[in-house]
Protein backbone atom coordinates (compact mmCIF):
# COMPACT_ATOMS: atom_id res chain seq x y z
CA MET A 1 96.90 112.21 110.36
CA TYR A 2 93.95 112.70 108.36
CA GLY A 3 95.40 115.13 105.46
CA ILE A 4 98.05 111.70 104.75
CA ALA A 5 94.90 109.33 105.01
CA ARG A 6 93.25 111.59 102.98
CA GLU A 7 95.73 111.55 100.18
CA ILE A 8 96.59 108.06 100.12
CA LEU A 9 92.13 107.42 100.03
CA GLY A 10 92.24 109.67 97.01
CA ILE A 11 95.00 107.00 95.36
CA LEU A 12 93.70 103.91 96.78
CA ARG A 13 89.72 105.19 95.09
CA THR A 14 91.77 105.63 91.68
CA ALA A 15 92.75 102.18 91.87
CA ALA A 16 90.07 100.89 92.49
CA ALA A 17 87.78 102.56 89.86
CA ILE A 18 90.70 100.87 87.28
CA SER A 19 91.03 97.60 88.70
CA PRO A 20 90.47 94.70 86.29
CA GLY A 21 88.69 91.98 87.70
CA GLY A 22 88.97 88.13 86.60
CA ALA A 23 89.59 85.57 88.25
CA CYS A 24 93.68 84.54 89.29
CA ALA A 25 96.01 83.21 87.63
CA HIS A 26 97.68 81.51 90.26
CA ALA A 27 96.12 78.78 92.53
CA ASP A 28 98.10 79.57 95.68
CA GLY A 29 95.18 81.81 97.79
CA HIS A 30 94.99 85.06 98.35
CA ALA A 31 96.08 84.84 102.56
CA PRO A 32 98.45 87.60 103.50
CA GLY A 33 96.93 87.96 106.62
CA HIS A 34 98.58 84.50 107.80
CA GLU A 35 101.94 85.20 106.21
CA ARG A 36 104.76 86.72 108.70
CA THR A 37 106.05 89.98 108.27
CA SER A 38 109.65 88.77 107.21
CA ASP A 39 108.37 86.50 104.50
CA ARG A 40 106.15 89.36 103.01
CA VAL A 41 109.02 91.64 103.10
CA ALA A 42 111.39 88.90 101.45
CA ARG A 43 109.24 88.68 98.74
CA ILE A 44 108.27 92.56 98.27
CA ALA A 45 112.17 92.57 98.10
CA HIS A 46 112.47 89.62 95.28
CA LEU A 47 109.62 91.53 93.78
CA TYR A 48 111.69 94.81 93.40
CA ALA A 49 115.25 93.62 93.11
CA PRO A 50 115.47 89.59 92.09
CA ASP A 51 118.58 89.63 91.02
CA ALA A 52 119.80 90.98 94.39
CA CYS A 53 117.02 89.21 97.02
CA PRO A 54 116.53 85.21 96.01
CA ALA A 55 113.16 84.79 96.30
CA PRO A 56 111.51 82.67 99.44
CA GLY A 57 110.39 79.28 98.94
CA ALA A 58 107.19 79.20 96.43
CA ASP A 59 105.69 78.03 100.31
CA SER A 60 106.98 79.00 103.30
CA GLY A 61 104.33 77.81 105.18
CA GLN A 62 102.45 80.27 105.46
CA GLY A 63 99.76 80.03 102.48
CA PHE A 64 100.78 81.81 99.20
CA GLY A 65 103.29 82.68 97.10
CA SER A 66 105.04 85.58 95.65
CA GLU A 67 102.03 85.83 92.71
CA VAL A 68 99.99 86.81 94.79
CA LEU A 69 101.33 90.02 95.41
CA ILE A 70 100.94 91.27 91.89
CA CYS A 71 97.80 89.37 91.27
CA PRO A 72 95.41 92.26 90.20
CA VAL A 73 92.43 90.15 92.11
CA HIS A 74 94.91 90.54 95.14
CA LEU A 75 95.53 94.11 94.75
CA ALA A 76 91.64 94.97 93.83
CA GLU A 77 90.63 93.06 97.46
CA ALA A 78 93.42 95.18 98.92
CA VAL A 79 92.84 97.87 97.87
CA ALA A 80 88.64 97.78 99.11
CA ARG A 81 90.12 97.01 102.69
CA GLY A 82 92.76 99.97 102.30
CA ILE A 83 89.74 102.27 101.74
CA ALA A 84 87.15 100.88 104.14
CA GLU A 85 89.54 100.97 106.93
CA ILE A 86 90.48 104.31 105.85
CA GLU A 87 87.15 105.74 105.37
CA GLU A 88 86.47 103.75 109.31
CA GLN A 89 88.88 105.38 111.02
CA PHE A 90 88.02 108.83 109.51
CA GLU A 91 84.49 108.92 109.28
CA GLU A 92 84.08 111.91 111.11
CA GLU A 93 86.27 113.68 109.06
CA LEU A 94 85.52 112.21 105.91
CA GLU A 95 81.70 113.62 106.68
CA ALA A 96 82.92 117.13 107.72
CA GLU A 97 84.66 117.37 103.98
CA GLU A 98 81.23 116.06 102.50
CA GLN A 99 79.10 118.83 104.13
CA LEU A 100 81.69 121.30 103.24
CA ALA A 101 81.16 120.58 99.49
CA GLU A 102 77.95 120.81 99.91
């Protein structure tokens, strides 16, 4: 499991290094933790196949629209959370790797 997490961590760190800063171009907030999983899946499906998957309503009562899923600020926040979660979960393994690298 750690091997996969280590690979994902590398990808996330690369994404964090090139993440643009700035302000959001939308006003519907960044609260994906409050959205139902089915709503999130429907939004992602629409992003990948807009002709086949209709867009969910602008606000399904969960606090944000599809624009947040492609917002650079939201993505940077999600990348930072992912890095923190992996580093926390695999703290011992990461420290052991760092010691071996020295």
